[in-house]
Amino acid sequence: MALVRILVDGFSLLHAWPEVAPRQPRHSAAARDELIHWLTQYQDAVGTPLTVVFDGTNAPAGTPKIPSRPEMEILYSPAGRTADDLIERATHRLLDFGDVLVVTDDNAERSTVLSLGGMTSGCSVFIEDLKSMLGEMKHDLEHLNRRERHRFERPR
């Protein structure tokens, strides 16, 4: 089956990736925004819909909600629910349509997702995949730009 969605535990990935917003607290809006920026680029590169879920329970009142689009959703868990709850529920529902990949370093969450039939990735593996994918895309764009520049430099 095809991969239908990637579900990311937002704070788990933020804690595993200190290079994202290095001088910002991990639970800050600036850190979340920077992570979303990287994930949006990744989603654009791979084309697989992606949902990043943050625990909204401890978020301060008035935490800005970034608008989502279907292929790149940003969700916050409501009071009394955790990001893990939303990820498990989404995994269960989406598996009818194809494979689901959950990105988290929470071993209990990974075990639950695997028992549901989903796939999991640790954050460090996902970060390396993301960096590799974006590096390849950058290389391809640089190559294309050089080729196009050369094409316009030739006498006609």
N, C-alpha and C. Protein backbone atom coordinates (compact mmCIF):
# COMPACT_ATOMS: atom_id res chain seq x y z
N MET A 1 0.84 -1.19 0.00
CA MET A 1 0.00 0.00 0.00
C MET A 1 0.87 1.25 0.00
N ALA A 2 0.32 2.31 -0.48
CA ALA A 2 1.05 3.58 -0.54
C ALA A 2 0.98 4.30 0.80
N LEU A 3 1.97 5.11 1.05
CA LEU A 3 2.00 5.93 2.26
C LEU A 3 1.00 7.07 2.07
N VAL A 4 -0.05 7.11 2.92
CA VAL A 4 -1.09 8.11 2.76
C VAL A 4 -0.87 9.35 3.62
N ARG A 5 -0.13 9.22 4.71
CA ARG A 5 0.10 10.40 5.56
C ARG A 5 1.25 10.13 6.50
N ILE A 6 1.99 11.20 6.80
CA ILE A 6 3.02 11.19 7.83
C ILE A 6 2.47 11.99 9.00
N LEU A 7 2.46 11.38 10.18
CA LEU A 7 2.01 12.05 11.40
C LEU A 7 3.23 12.31 12.28
N VAL A 8 3.43 13.56 12.67
CA VAL A 8 4.61 13.95 13.43
C VAL A 8 4.21 14.44 14.82
N ASP A 9 4.82 13.86 15.85
CA ASP A 9 4.67 14.37 17.22
C ASP A 9 5.57 15.60 17.31
N GLY A 10 4.96 16.78 17.24
CA GLY A 10 5.70 18.02 17.11
C GLY A 10 6.73 18.27 18.19
N PHE A 11 6.34 18.13 19.46
CA PHE A 11 7.28 18.43 20.53
C PHE A 11 8.36 17.36 20.64
N SER A 12 8.04 16.13 20.31
CA SER A 12 9.06 15.07 20.30
C SER A 12 10.14 15.41 19.27
N LEU A 13 9.73 15.85 18.08
CA LEU A 13 10.69 16.21 17.05
C LEU A 13 11.48 17.46 17.43
N LEU A 14 10.81 18.44 18.04
CA LEU A 14 11.52 19.65 18.47
C LEU A 14 12.62 19.33 19.48
N HIS A 15 12.32 18.45 20.43
CA HIS A 15 13.31 18.10 21.46
C HIS A 15 14.48 17.32 20.87
N ALA A 16 14.23 16.58 19.81
CA ALA A 16 15.30 15.78 19.19
C ALA A 16 16.14 16.59 18.20
N TRP A 17 15.71 17.80 17.88
CA TRP A 17 16.36 18.59 16.84
C TRP A 17 16.73 19.98 17.38
N PRO A 18 17.77 20.06 18.20
CA PRO A 18 18.11 21.34 18.83
C PRO A 18 18.56 22.42 17.84
N GLU A 19 18.95 22.04 16.62
CA GLU A 19 19.38 23.03 15.63
C GLU A 19 18.22 23.89 15.13
N VAL A 20 16.99 23.42 15.33
CA VAL A 20 15.82 24.21 14.93
C VAL A 20 15.59 25.25 16.02
N ALA A 21 15.63 26.52 15.65
CA ALA A 21 15.44 27.63 16.59
C ALA A 21 16.33 27.43 17.83
N PRO A 22 17.65 27.44 17.65
CA PRO A 22 18.57 27.06 18.73
C PRO A 22 18.50 27.89 20.00
N ARG A 23 18.16 29.16 19.92
CA ARG A 23 18.13 29.99 21.12
C ARG A 23 16.72 30.19 21.66
N GLN A 24 15.81 29.38 21.20
CA GLN A 24 14.42 29.49 21.64
C GLN A 24 14.04 28.32 22.53
N PRO A 25 13.19 28.55 23.53
CA PRO A 25 12.68 27.42 24.31
C PRO A 25 11.94 26.45 23.40
N ARG A 26 12.05 25.16 23.68
CA ARG A 26 11.46 24.14 22.82
C ARG A 26 9.95 24.27 22.67
N HIS A 27 9.27 24.80 23.68
CA HIS A 27 7.80 24.92 23.61
C HIS A 27 7.36 26.30 23.12
N SER A 28 8.28 27.11 22.64
CA SER A 28 7.93 28.47 22.22
C SER A 28 7.29 28.47 20.83
N ALA A 29 6.53 29.53 20.58
CA ALA A 29 5.90 29.69 19.27
C ALA A 29 6.97 29.81 18.18
N ALA A 30 8.09 30.47 18.48
CA ALA A 30 9.16 30.61 17.48
C ALA A 30 9.74 29.26 17.09
N ALA A 31 9.94 28.38 18.07
CA ALA A 31 10.47 27.04 17.78
C ALA A 31 9.46 26.24 16.96
N ARG A 32 8.18 26.32 17.32
CA ARG A 32 7.15 25.61 16.56
C ARG A 32 7.10 26.12 15.12
N ASP A 33 7.14 27.44 14.96
CA ASP A 33 7.08 28.03 13.62
C ASP A 33 8.26 27.58 12.76
N GLU A 34 9.45 27.54 13.35
CA GLU A 34 10.64 27.11 12.61
C GLU A 34 10.51 25.64 12.20
N LEU A 35 10.02 24.80 13.12
CA LEU A 35 9.82 23.39 12.79
C LEU A 35 8.81 23.24 11.65
N ILE A 36 7.73 23.98 11.73
CA ILE A 36 6.70 23.92 10.69
C ILE A 36 7.28 24.36 9.35
N HIS A 37 8.14 25.36 9.36
CA HIS A 37 8.81 25.82 8.13
C HIS A 37 9.59 24.67 7.49
N TRP A 38 10.40 23.94 8.28
CA TRP A 38 11.18 22.81 7.77
C TRP A 38 10.28 21.68 7.28
N LEU A 39 9.23 21.38 8.05
CA LEU A 39 8.33 20.29 7.67
C LEU A 39 7.55 20.63 6.40
N THR A 40 7.22 21.90 6.21
CA THR A 40 6.52 22.32 4.99
C THR A 40 7.42 22.11 3.77
N GLN A 41 8.69 22.46 3.89
CA GLN A 41 9.63 22.22 2.79
C GLN A 41 9.73 20.73 2.49
N TYR A 42 9.81 19.92 3.55
CA TYR A 42 9.90 18.47 3.37
C TYR A 42 8.65 17.94 2.68
N GLN A 43 7.50 18.38 3.13
CA GLN A 43 6.25 17.92 2.53
C GLN A 43 6.18 18.30 1.07
N ASP A 44 6.62 19.51 0.74
CA ASP A 44 6.64 19.94 -0.66
C ASP A 44 7.56 19.04 -1.49
N ALA A 45 8.66 18.60 -0.90
CA ALA A 45 9.63 17.77 -1.63
C ALA A 45 9.12 16.35 -1.84
N VAL A 46 8.50 15.75 -0.81
CA VAL A 46 8.10 14.35 -0.93
C VAL A 46 6.69 14.17 -1.48
N GLY A 47 5.84 15.18 -1.28
CA GLY A 47 4.48 15.11 -1.81
C GLY A 47 3.49 14.33 -0.95
N THR A 48 3.95 13.67 0.09
CA THR A 48 3.06 12.91 0.97
C THR A 48 2.43 13.87 1.98
N PRO A 49 1.11 13.84 2.15
CA PRO A 49 0.49 14.71 3.15
C PRO A 49 1.11 14.48 4.53
N LEU A 50 1.24 15.56 5.28
CA LEU A 50 1.90 15.51 6.58
C LEU A 50 1.05 16.26 7.60
N THR A 51 0.93 15.68 8.78
CA THR A 51 0.24 16.34 9.89
C THR A 51 1.19 16.42 11.06
N VAL A 52 1.39 17.62 11.59
CA VAL A 52 2.21 17.78 12.79
C VAL A 52 1.25 18.10 13.93
N VAL A 53 1.38 17.33 15.02
CA VAL A 53 0.47 17.46 16.16
C VAL A 53 1.26 17.92 17.37
N PHE A 54 0.79 19.01 17.99
CA PHE A 54 1.40 19.53 19.21
C PHE A 54 0.44 19.32 20.37
N ASP A 55 0.99 19.07 21.55
CA ASP A 55 0.17 19.04 22.75
C ASP A 55 -0.32 20.46 23.00
N GLY A 56 -1.63 20.65 22.98
CA GLY A 56 -2.20 21.97 23.22
C GLY A 56 -2.60 22.17 24.66
N THR A 57 -2.54 21.11 25.46
CA THR A 57 -2.99 21.18 26.84
C THR A 57 -2.24 22.22 27.65
N ASN A 58 -0.92 22.27 27.53
CA ASN A 58 -0.12 23.20 28.31
C ASN A 58 0.22 24.48 27.56
N ALA A 59 -0.35 24.66 26.40
CA ALA A 59 -0.07 25.87 25.63
C ALA A 59 -0.73 27.06 26.32
N PRO A 60 -0.03 28.19 26.39
CA PRO A 60 -0.62 29.37 27.00
C PRO A 60 -1.84 29.83 26.22
N ALA A 61 -2.78 30.46 26.93
CA ALA A 61 -3.97 30.98 26.26
C ALA A 61 -3.53 31.97 25.19
N GLY A 62 -4.21 31.95 24.07
CA GLY A 62 -3.87 32.85 22.98
C GLY A 62 -2.74 32.37 22.10
N THR A 63 -2.32 31.11 22.27
CA THR A 63 -1.28 30.57 21.40
C THR A 63 -1.78 30.64 19.97
N PRO A 64 -1.04 31.33 19.10
CA PRO A 64 -1.53 31.47 17.73
C PRO A 64 -1.59 30.13 17.01
N LYS A 65 -2.65 29.93 16.29
CA LYS A 65 -2.82 28.71 15.50
C LYS A 65 -2.44 29.05 14.06
N ILE A 66 -1.51 28.31 13.53
CA ILE A 66 -1.07 28.53 12.16
C ILE A 66 -2.09 27.88 11.23
N PRO A 67 -2.54 28.61 10.21
CA PRO A 67 -3.51 28.00 9.30
C PRO A 67 -2.93 26.77 8.60
N SER A 68 -3.77 25.78 8.40
CA SER A 68 -3.36 24.53 7.76
C SER A 68 -3.91 24.47 6.35
N ARG A 69 -3.34 23.56 5.60
CA ARG A 69 -3.91 23.18 4.32
C ARG A 69 -3.97 21.66 4.31
N PRO A 70 -4.78 21.04 3.48
CA PRO A 70 -4.97 19.58 3.56
C PRO A 70 -3.69 18.77 3.49
N GLU A 71 -2.72 19.20 2.68
CA GLU A 71 -1.50 18.41 2.55
C GLU A 71 -0.48 18.72 3.65
N MET A 72 -0.71 19.77 4.45
CA MET A 72 0.20 20.11 5.55
C MET A 72 -0.64 20.66 6.70
N GLU A 73 -1.09 19.75 7.56
CA GLU A 73 -1.94 20.14 8.68
C GLU A 73 -1.12 20.41 9.92
N ILE A 74 -1.54 21.41 10.69
CA ILE A 74 -0.96 21.69 11.99
C ILE A 74 -2.10 21.60 12.99
N LEU A 75 -1.98 20.66 13.93
CA LEU A 75 -3.04 20.43 14.92
C LEU A 75 -2.51 20.61 16.33
N TYR A 76 -3.38 21.08 17.21
CA TYR A 76 -3.09 21.17 18.64
C TYR A 76 -4.13 20.34 19.36
N SER A 77 -3.69 19.51 20.29
CA SER A 77 -4.66 18.69 21.02
C SER A 77 -5.49 19.59 21.93
N PRO A 78 -6.78 19.29 22.07
CA PRO A 78 -7.63 20.08 22.97
C PRO A 78 -7.35 19.73 24.43
N ALA A 79 -7.89 20.52 25.32
CA ALA A 79 -7.72 20.27 26.76
C ALA A 79 -8.20 18.86 27.09
N GLY A 80 -7.43 18.17 27.91
CA GLY A 80 -7.79 16.82 28.32
C GLY A 80 -7.34 15.73 27.36
N ARG A 81 -6.75 16.10 26.24
CA ARG A 81 -6.25 15.14 25.26
C ARG A 81 -4.78 15.45 24.99
N THR A 82 -4.04 14.44 24.61
CA THR A 82 -2.63 14.64 24.28
C THR A 82 -2.43 14.50 22.78
N ALA A 83 -1.28 14.95 22.33
CA ALA A 83 -0.93 14.75 20.91
C ALA A 83 -0.94 13.26 20.60
N ASP A 84 -0.47 12.44 21.56
CA ASP A 84 -0.45 10.99 21.35
C ASP A 84 -1.86 10.46 21.08
N ASP A 85 -2.85 10.96 21.82
CA ASP A 85 -4.24 10.53 21.60
C ASP A 85 -4.67 10.81 20.16
N LEU A 86 -4.38 12.02 19.69
CA LEU A 86 -4.78 12.39 18.33
C LEU A 86 -4.04 11.57 17.28
N ILE A 87 -2.76 11.33 17.52
CA ILE A 87 -1.96 10.55 16.58
C ILE A 87 -2.48 9.12 16.49
N GLU A 88 -2.79 8.52 17.63
CA GLU A 88 -3.31 7.14 17.64
C GLU A 88 -4.64 7.06 16.92
N ARG A 89 -5.51 8.01 17.18
CA ARG A 89 -6.83 8.00 16.55
C ARG A 89 -6.71 8.20 15.03
N ALA A 90 -5.87 9.15 14.62
CA ALA A 90 -5.67 9.39 13.19
C ALA A 90 -5.05 8.17 12.51
N THR A 91 -4.09 7.54 13.18
CA THR A 91 -3.47 6.34 12.61
C THR A 91 -4.52 5.27 12.37
N HIS A 92 -5.34 5.02 13.38
CA HIS A 92 -6.39 4.00 13.28
C HIS A 92 -7.32 4.29 12.10
N ARG A 93 -7.73 5.53 11.94
CA ARG A 93 -8.66 5.89 10.87
C ARG A 93 -8.02 5.87 9.49
N LEU A 94 -6.78 6.32 9.40
CA LEU A 94 -6.13 6.42 8.09
C LEU A 94 -5.65 5.09 7.53
N LEU A 95 -5.44 4.10 8.39
CA LEU A 95 -4.93 2.81 7.92
C LEU A 95 -5.86 2.12 6.93
N ASP A 96 -7.14 2.49 6.92
CA ASP A 96 -8.07 1.94 5.93
C ASP A 96 -7.71 2.39 4.51
N PHE A 97 -6.96 3.49 4.40
CA PHE A 97 -6.65 4.06 3.09
C PHE A 97 -5.23 3.77 2.62
N GLY A 98 -4.39 3.27 3.50
CA GLY A 98 -3.00 2.97 3.13
C GLY A 98 -2.10 3.04 4.35
N ASP A 99 -0.81 3.06 4.09
CA ASP A 99 0.17 3.08 5.18
C ASP A 99 0.27 4.46 5.82
N VAL A 100 0.55 4.46 7.12
CA VAL A 100 0.72 5.68 7.90
C VAL A 100 2.06 5.59 8.61
N LEU A 101 2.84 6.66 8.54
CA LEU A 101 4.13 6.74 9.23
C LEU A 101 4.01 7.74 10.37
N VAL A 102 4.36 7.31 11.57
CA VAL A 102 4.34 8.18 12.75
C VAL A 102 5.78 8.45 13.16
N VAL A 103 6.11 9.73 13.33
CA VAL A 103 7.45 10.16 13.73
C VAL A 103 7.40 10.61 15.18
N THR A 104 8.09 9.86 16.05
CA THR A 104 8.14 10.19 17.47
C THR A 104 9.29 9.44 18.12
N ASP A 105 9.76 9.96 19.24
CA ASP A 105 10.75 9.23 20.04
C ASP A 105 10.11 8.60 21.27
N ASP A 106 8.80 8.72 21.40
CA ASP A 106 8.06 8.15 22.52
C ASP A 106 7.87 6.65 22.25
N ASN A 107 8.59 5.82 23.01
CA ASN A 107 8.55 4.37 22.77
C ASN A 107 7.16 3.77 22.97
N ALA A 108 6.43 4.25 23.96
CA ALA A 108 5.07 3.74 24.18
C ALA A 108 4.18 4.07 22.98
N GLU A 109 4.32 5.27 22.47
CA GLU A 109 3.54 5.68 21.30
C GLU A 109 3.90 4.85 20.07
N ARG A 110 5.19 4.62 19.89
CA ARG A 110 5.64 3.80 18.76
C ARG A 110 5.07 2.39 18.86
N SER A 111 5.08 1.83 20.05
CA SER A 111 4.54 0.48 20.26
C SER A 111 3.05 0.43 19.94
N THR A 112 2.31 1.45 20.38
CA THR A 112 0.87 1.49 20.12
C THR A 112 0.61 1.59 18.62
N VAL A 113 1.34 2.45 17.94
CA VAL A 113 1.16 2.63 16.49
C VAL A 113 1.47 1.33 15.75
N LEU A 114 2.55 0.67 16.14
CA LEU A 114 2.90 -0.61 15.51
C LEU A 114 1.81 -1.65 15.74
N SER A 115 1.23 -1.67 16.94
CA SER A 115 0.17 -2.64 17.23
C SER A 115 -1.09 -2.36 16.42
N LEU A 116 -1.29 -1.10 16.04
CA LEU A 116 -2.43 -0.74 15.20
C LEU A 116 -2.19 -1.11 13.73
N GLY A 117 -0.93 -1.33 13.37
CA GLY A 117 -0.59 -1.66 11.98
C GLY A 117 0.13 -0.55 11.24
N GLY A 118 0.44 0.53 11.95
CA GLY A 118 1.15 1.65 11.34
C GLY A 118 2.66 1.43 11.34
N MET A 119 3.37 2.36 10.74
CA MET A 119 4.83 2.34 10.72
C MET A 119 5.33 3.49 11.58
N THR A 120 6.54 3.33 12.14
CA THR A 120 7.10 4.39 12.97
C THR A 120 8.53 4.71 12.54
N SER A 121 8.94 5.90 12.89
CA SER A 121 10.32 6.33 12.68
C SER A 121 10.73 7.13 13.90
N GLY A 122 11.95 6.89 14.36
CA GLY A 122 12.50 7.73 15.41
C GLY A 122 12.80 9.11 14.84
N CYS A 123 12.86 10.09 15.70
CA CYS A 123 13.08 11.46 15.25
C CYS A 123 14.43 11.64 14.56
N SER A 124 15.49 11.03 15.09
CA SER A 124 16.81 11.23 14.49
C SER A 124 16.86 10.67 13.06
N VAL A 125 16.23 9.53 12.83
CA VAL A 125 16.19 8.95 11.48
C VAL A 125 15.40 9.87 10.54
N PHE A 126 14.28 10.38 11.03
CA PHE A 126 13.45 11.27 10.22
C PHE A 126 14.20 12.56 9.89
N ILE A 127 14.91 13.12 10.88
CA ILE A 127 15.66 14.36 10.66
C ILE A 127 16.71 14.14 9.57
N GLU A 128 17.41 13.02 9.63
CA GLU A 128 18.41 12.73 8.60
C GLU A 128 17.77 12.58 7.23
N ASP A 129 16.60 11.93 7.17
CA ASP A 129 15.88 11.79 5.91
C ASP A 129 15.46 13.16 5.38
N LEU A 130 14.94 14.00 6.26
CA LEU A 130 14.52 15.34 5.88
C LEU A 130 15.70 16.14 5.34
N LYS A 131 16.82 16.13 6.06
CA LYS A 131 18.00 16.88 5.61
C LYS A 131 18.50 16.35 4.27
N SER A 132 18.51 15.04 4.10
CA SER A 132 18.95 14.43 2.85
C SER A 132 18.04 14.84 1.70
N MET A 133 16.74 14.75 1.92
CA MET A 133 15.77 15.09 0.88
C MET A 133 15.90 16.56 0.47
N LEU A 134 16.01 17.45 1.45
CA LEU A 134 16.12 18.87 1.14
C LEU A 134 17.47 19.19 0.50
N GLY A 135 18.51 18.47 0.89
CA GLY A 135 19.82 18.65 0.26
C GLY A 135 19.80 18.23 -1.20
N GLU A 136 19.15 17.11 -1.48
CA GLU A 136 19.01 16.65 -2.87
C GLU A 136 18.21 17.65 -3.70
N MET A 137 17.14 18.17 -3.11
CA MET A 137 16.32 19.13 -3.82
C MET A 137 17.13 20.40 -4.11
N LYS A 138 17.90 20.86 -3.14
CA LYS A 138 18.73 22.05 -3.34
C LYS A 138 19.76 21.80 -4.45
N HIS A 139 20.38 20.63 -4.42
CA HIS A 139 21.36 20.27 -5.46
C HIS A 139 20.71 20.25 -6.84
N ASP A 140 19.53 19.64 -6.94
CA ASP A 140 18.83 19.57 -8.22
C ASP A 140 18.47 20.97 -8.73
N LEU A 141 18.03 21.84 -7.83
CA LEU A 141 17.67 23.21 -8.24
C LEU A 141 18.90 23.99 -8.70
N GLU A 142 20.01 23.82 -7.99
CA GLU A 142 21.24 24.50 -8.40
C GLU A 142 21.68 24.02 -9.78
N HIS A 143 21.59 22.72 -10.01
CA HIS A 143 21.95 22.15 -11.32
C HIS A 143 21.04 22.71 -12.41
N LEU A 144 19.75 22.74 -12.15
CA LEU A 144 18.79 23.26 -13.12
C LEU A 144 19.06 24.74 -13.39
N ASN A 145 19.33 25.51 -12.34
CA ASN A 145 19.61 26.94 -12.53
C ASN A 145 20.87 27.17 -13.35
N ARG A 146 21.92 26.38 -13.08
CA ARG A 146 23.15 26.51 -13.87
C ARG A 146 22.89 26.19 -15.34
N ARG A 147 22.13 25.13 -15.58
CA ARG A 147 21.83 24.73 -16.96
C ARG A 147 21.02 25.81 -17.67
N GLU A 148 20.03 26.35 -16.99
CA GLU A 148 19.21 27.39 -17.60
C GLU A 148 20.02 28.67 -17.84
N ARG A 149 20.86 29.02 -16.88
CA ARG A 149 21.71 30.20 -17.04
C ARG A 149 22.62 30.02 -18.26
N HIS A 150 23.19 28.83 -18.39
CA HIS A 150 24.07 28.54 -19.52
C HIS A 150 23.30 28.61 -20.84
N ARG A 151 22.10 28.15 -20.83
CA ARG A 151 21.27 28.18 -22.04
C ARG A 151 21.05 29.62 -22.52
N PHE A 152 20.87 30.54 -21.59
CA PHE A 152 20.61 31.92 -21.97
C PHE A 152 21.90 32.68 -22.30
N GLU A 153 23.05 32.15 -21.93
CA GLU A 153 24.32 32.81 -22.22
C GLU A 153 24.81 32.49 -23.62
N ARG A 154 24.31 31.43 -24.23
CA ARG A 154 24.77 31.03 -25.56
C ARG A 154 24.29 32.03 -26.62
N PRO A 155 25.16 32.30 -27.58
CA PRO A 155 24.71 33.17 -28.69
C PRO A 155 23.67 32.44 -29.52
N ARG A 156 22.77 33.16 -30.04
CA ARG A 156 21.70 32.56 -30.84
C ARG A 156 21.87 32.85 -32.29
